[in-house]
Protein backbone atom coordinates (compact mmCIF):
# COMPACT_ATOMS: atom_id res chain seq x y z
CA MET A 1 0.00 0.00 0.00
CA THR A 2 1.31 3.42 -1.00
CA GLU A 3 1.34 6.64 1.01
CA GLN A 4 -1.35 8.13 -1.27
CA ASP A 5 -3.71 5.24 -0.54
CA ASP A 6 -3.19 5.76 3.19
CA ARG A 7 -4.17 9.41 2.85
CA THR A 8 -7.29 8.47 0.86
CA ASP A 9 -8.37 5.96 3.49
CA ALA A 10 -7.82 8.51 6.26
CA GLU A 11 -9.90 11.10 4.45
CA THR A 12 -12.67 8.55 3.90
CA VAL A 13 -12.74 7.65 7.59
CA ALA A 14 -12.75 11.33 8.60
CA SER A 15 -15.60 12.06 6.18
CA THR A 16 -17.58 9.14 7.59
CA VAL A 17 -17.02 10.35 11.14
CA ARG A 18 -18.13 13.88 10.21
CA ARG A 19 -21.30 12.58 8.55
CA ARG A 20 -22.11 10.51 11.64
CA ILE A 21 -21.60 13.53 13.86
CA VAL A 22 -23.84 15.66 11.63
CA TRP A 23 -26.55 13.01 11.57
CA GLY A 24 -26.21 12.66 15.31
CA TYR A 25 -26.91 16.39 15.71
CA VAL A 26 -29.81 16.19 13.25
CA GLY A 27 -31.30 13.19 15.06
CA GLY A 28 -30.92 14.88 18.44
CA ALA A 29 -32.61 18.04 17.16
CA ALA A 30 -35.43 15.97 15.68
CA LEU A 31 -35.95 14.19 19.01
CA ILE A 32 -36.09 17.52 20.81
CA VAL A 33 -38.67 18.86 18.33
CA VAL A 34 -40.76 15.70 18.70
CA ALA A 35 -40.57 15.94 22.50
CA VAL A 36 -41.66 19.59 22.43
CA LEU A 37 -44.58 18.79 20.11
CA LEU A 38 -45.67 15.87 22.32
CA ALA A 39 -45.50 18.05 25.44
CA TRP A 40 -47.52 20.83 23.77
CA TRP A 41 -50.14 18.32 22.58
CA ALA A 42 -50.42 16.79 26.07
CA ILE A 43 -50.88 20.22 27.69
CA ALA A 44 -53.49 21.30 25.13
CA ASN A 45 -55.39 18.01 25.43
CA GLY A 46 -55.31 18.20 29.23
CA ALA A 47 -56.75 21.75 29.23
CA ALA A 48 -59.53 20.72 26.84
CA THR A 49 -60.58 17.80 29.06
CA ALA A 50 -60.30 19.81 32.28
CA ALA A 51 -62.84 22.44 31.11
CA PRO A 52 -65.94 20.19 31.00
CA ALA A 53 -64.83 18.46 34.18
CA ALA A 54 -64.76 21.79 36.01
CA SER A 55 -68.32 22.61 34.92
CA MET A 56 -69.75 19.36 36.25
CA PRO A 57 -71.76 19.81 39.48
CA THR A 58 -70.17 18.42 42.61
CA THR A 59 -73.49 17.78 44.33
CA PRO A 60 -74.58 14.18 43.76
CA THR A 61 -77.90 13.75 42.03
CA ALA A 62 -80.36 10.92 42.13
CA SER A 63 -78.98 9.43 38.89
CA SER A 64 -75.42 9.24 40.28
CA SER A 65 -76.37 7.11 43.30
CA PRO A 66 -75.64 3.39 43.14
CA PRO A 67 -78.54 1.05 42.45
CA GLY A 68 -80.49 0.00 45.49
CA SER A 69 -79.72 3.12 47.55
CA PRO A 70 -82.64 5.33 48.69
CA ALA A 71 -81.20 8.33 46.91
CA ALA A 72 -81.41 6.50 43.58
CA SER A 73 -85.17 6.97 43.42
CA VAL A 74 -85.83 9.87 45.82
CA ALA A 75 -84.35 13.31 45.22
CA PRO A 76 -83.14 15.16 48.35
CA SER A 77 -85.58 17.76 49.61
CA ALA A 78 -84.65 21.44 49.66
CA GLY A 79 -84.91 21.57 53.45
CA PRO A 80 -86.77 20.12 56.42
CA ALA A 81 -90.48 20.60 56.12
CA SER A 82 -92.16 22.50 58.91
CA SER A 83 -94.64 20.46 60.87
CA THR A 84 -96.10 23.39 62.79
CA ALA A 85 -98.78 25.43 61.07
CA PRO A 86 -99.05 29.14 61.93
CA PRO A 87 -101.83 29.98 64.37
CA PRO A 88 -105.00 31.35 62.79
CA ALA A 89 -105.53 35.08 62.82
CA ALA A 90 -107.61 36.47 65.64
CA SER A 91 -110.37 37.50 63.27
CA ASP A 92 -110.56 33.99 61.76
CA ALA A 93 -110.38 31.90 64.95
CA PRO A 94 -112.70 28.87 64.72
CA ASP A 95 -115.69 28.68 67.03
CA ALA A 96 -116.87 25.60 68.94
CA SER A 97 -118.31 24.08 65.76
CA GLY A 98 -115.02 24.45 63.89
CA THR A 99 -116.29 27.21 61.59
CA PRO A 100 -114.03 30.29 61.50
CA GLU A 101 -115.62 33.30 63.11
CA THR A 102 -115.46 36.49 61.07
CA THR A 103 -115.46 39.85 62.80
CA THR A 104 -116.40 42.99 60.93
CA ALA A 105 -115.70 46.61 61.72
CA PRO A 106 -118.46 48.57 63.45
CA VAL A 107 -120.88 50.51 61.28
CA ILE A 108 -121.96 54.13 61.71
CA ASP A 109 -125.56 54.12 60.54
CA ALA A 110 -126.05 57.87 61.00
CA PHE A 111 -124.08 60.89 62.18
CA ALA A 112 -125.55 64.39 61.99
CA VAL A 113 -125.03 67.89 63.37
CA SER A 114 -127.75 70.39 64.23
CA THR A 115 -126.57 72.81 61.54
CA THR A 116 -123.93 72.84 58.83
CA ALA A 117 -124.07 76.67 58.50
CA ALA A 118 -123.16 78.45 61.73
CA GLU A 119 -124.62 81.97 61.78
CA CYS A 120 -122.01 84.33 63.19
CA THR A 121 -122.01 88.08 63.90
CA ASP A 122 -119.63 90.41 62.13
CA ASP A 123 -117.18 90.61 65.03
CA ARG A 124 -116.45 86.86 64.66
CA SER A 125 -115.95 86.53 68.40
CA ALA A 126 -119.13 84.59 69.02
CA THR A 127 -119.63 80.85 69.14
CA VAL A 128 -122.54 78.78 67.88
CA PRO A 129 -123.65 75.79 70.00
CA LEU A 130 -123.81 72.49 68.13
CA SER A 131 -125.77 69.32 68.77
CA PHE A 132 -124.62 65.94 67.42
CA THR A 133 -126.64 62.73 67.07
CA TRP A 134 -125.64 59.26 65.85
CA ASN A 135 -126.54 55.59 65.60
CA THR A 136 -123.98 52.78 65.27
CA THR A 137 -123.85 48.98 65.09
CA GLY A 138 -121.17 46.74 66.58
CA ALA A 139 -119.31 49.51 68.43
CA GLY A 140 -117.87 49.23 71.92
CA GLU A 141 -116.32 52.71 72.21
CA ALA A 142 -116.98 56.08 70.56
CA TRP A 143 -115.40 59.54 70.46
CA ILE A 144 -116.06 62.93 68.87
CA GLY A 145 -113.11 64.99 67.67
CA VAL A 146 -112.57 68.42 66.10
CA GLY A 147 -110.29 69.03 63.13
CA THR A 148 -109.37 65.35 62.71
CA THR A 149 -110.54 62.35 60.72
CA ASP A 150 -109.79 59.93 63.59
CA ALA A 151 -111.39 61.00 66.86
CA SER A 152 -109.91 57.98 68.66
CA ALA A 153 -106.44 59.48 68.13
CA VAL A 154 -107.38 63.11 68.93
CA PRO A 155 -110.62 62.94 70.94
CA SER A 156 -112.52 65.98 72.14
CA ALA A 157 -114.96 63.86 74.12
CA ALA A 158 -115.88 60.22 74.73
CA VAL A 159 -119.53 59.53 73.91
CA PRO A 160 -121.93 56.56 74.12
CA PRO A 161 -121.03 54.07 71.37
CA SER A 162 -124.38 52.81 70.10
CA SER A 163 -126.51 55.96 69.91
CA GLY A 164 -126.99 59.26 71.64
CA GLY A 165 -126.60 63.00 71.48
CA TYR A 166 -123.85 65.40 72.44
CA THR A 167 -123.99 69.18 72.95
CA GLY A 168 -120.60 69.85 74.47
CA LEU A 169 -119.04 71.41 71.36
CA ALA A 170 -119.54 74.82 69.75
CA PHE A 171 -118.46 76.31 66.44
CA SER A 172 -115.97 79.18 66.73
CA CYS A 173 -116.83 82.06 64.42
CA ARG A 174 -113.14 82.77 63.92
CA ASP A 175 -113.00 79.72 61.63
CA GLU A 176 -114.39 79.71 58.12
CA GLU A 177 -115.26 76.04 58.54
CA GLN A 178 -114.55 73.17 60.89
CA LEU A 179 -114.50 69.39 60.65
CA TYR A 180 -116.21 67.22 63.29
CA THR A 181 -115.67 63.46 63.35
CA LEU A 182 -117.33 60.54 65.12
CA THR A 183 -115.06 57.48 65.49
CA VAL A 184 -116.31 54.15 66.87
CA ARG A 185 -114.29 51.06 67.74
CA GLY A 186 -115.31 47.41 67.92
CA PRO A 187 -113.73 43.93 67.76
CA GLY A 188 -113.28 44.30 64.00
CA GLY A 189 -111.53 47.69 64.04
CA THR A 190 -112.52 51.36 63.90
CA THR A 191 -114.87 53.37 61.69
CA SER A 192 -115.15 57.14 61.32
CA SER A 193 -117.69 59.56 59.88
CA SER A 194 -117.22 63.33 59.52
CA VAL A 195 -119.38 66.42 59.01
CA THR A 196 -118.28 69.94 58.10
CA VAL A 197 -119.77 73.12 59.57
CA ALA A 198 -119.16 76.37 57.67
CA ARG A 199 -119.37 79.93 58.95
CA SER A 200 -122.23 82.15 57.76
CA LEU A 201 -121.67 85.84 58.54
CA LEU A 202 -124.79 87.84 59.37
């Protein structure tokens, strides 16, 4: 073998080694790329499957119970049912026969004043006596008030509830008009009736 052949063989071996090194780098790079792609695919697939799992309710339902368990056929109730009924209202309390009693508010059948036009002198310092009469049904208490629509709240006098007359009030000629109210109270509540007296200058 000549010296030239030795050099040719050495160059061939060196070229082969270089090619193997290059292919080794290429193979390593390809493996890295494949590993990155596989990791990215695994992460993306895991996020896609985690989304529907997160939206699933955590509370077990009747369909998720194993066969044979009571919850498989009976859905849980929203809360314990109350076994105590509220007491009936006072106005609807049942009587001895079991029929609810109904109480109604008292009724003012009539309420009148002796005059609705009080005749006053020019000096307006006089007063005009007034007389009130009334009839009611179902009342236990009664009041007359001045300048109010509820004589039970601002009473001028307590009067007989069912019927009667009252002369303890007078119209003041300093007022152009005045409101007088009869209010009666019974088991079913209160009822009021009003009359207006106007001044008439002589």
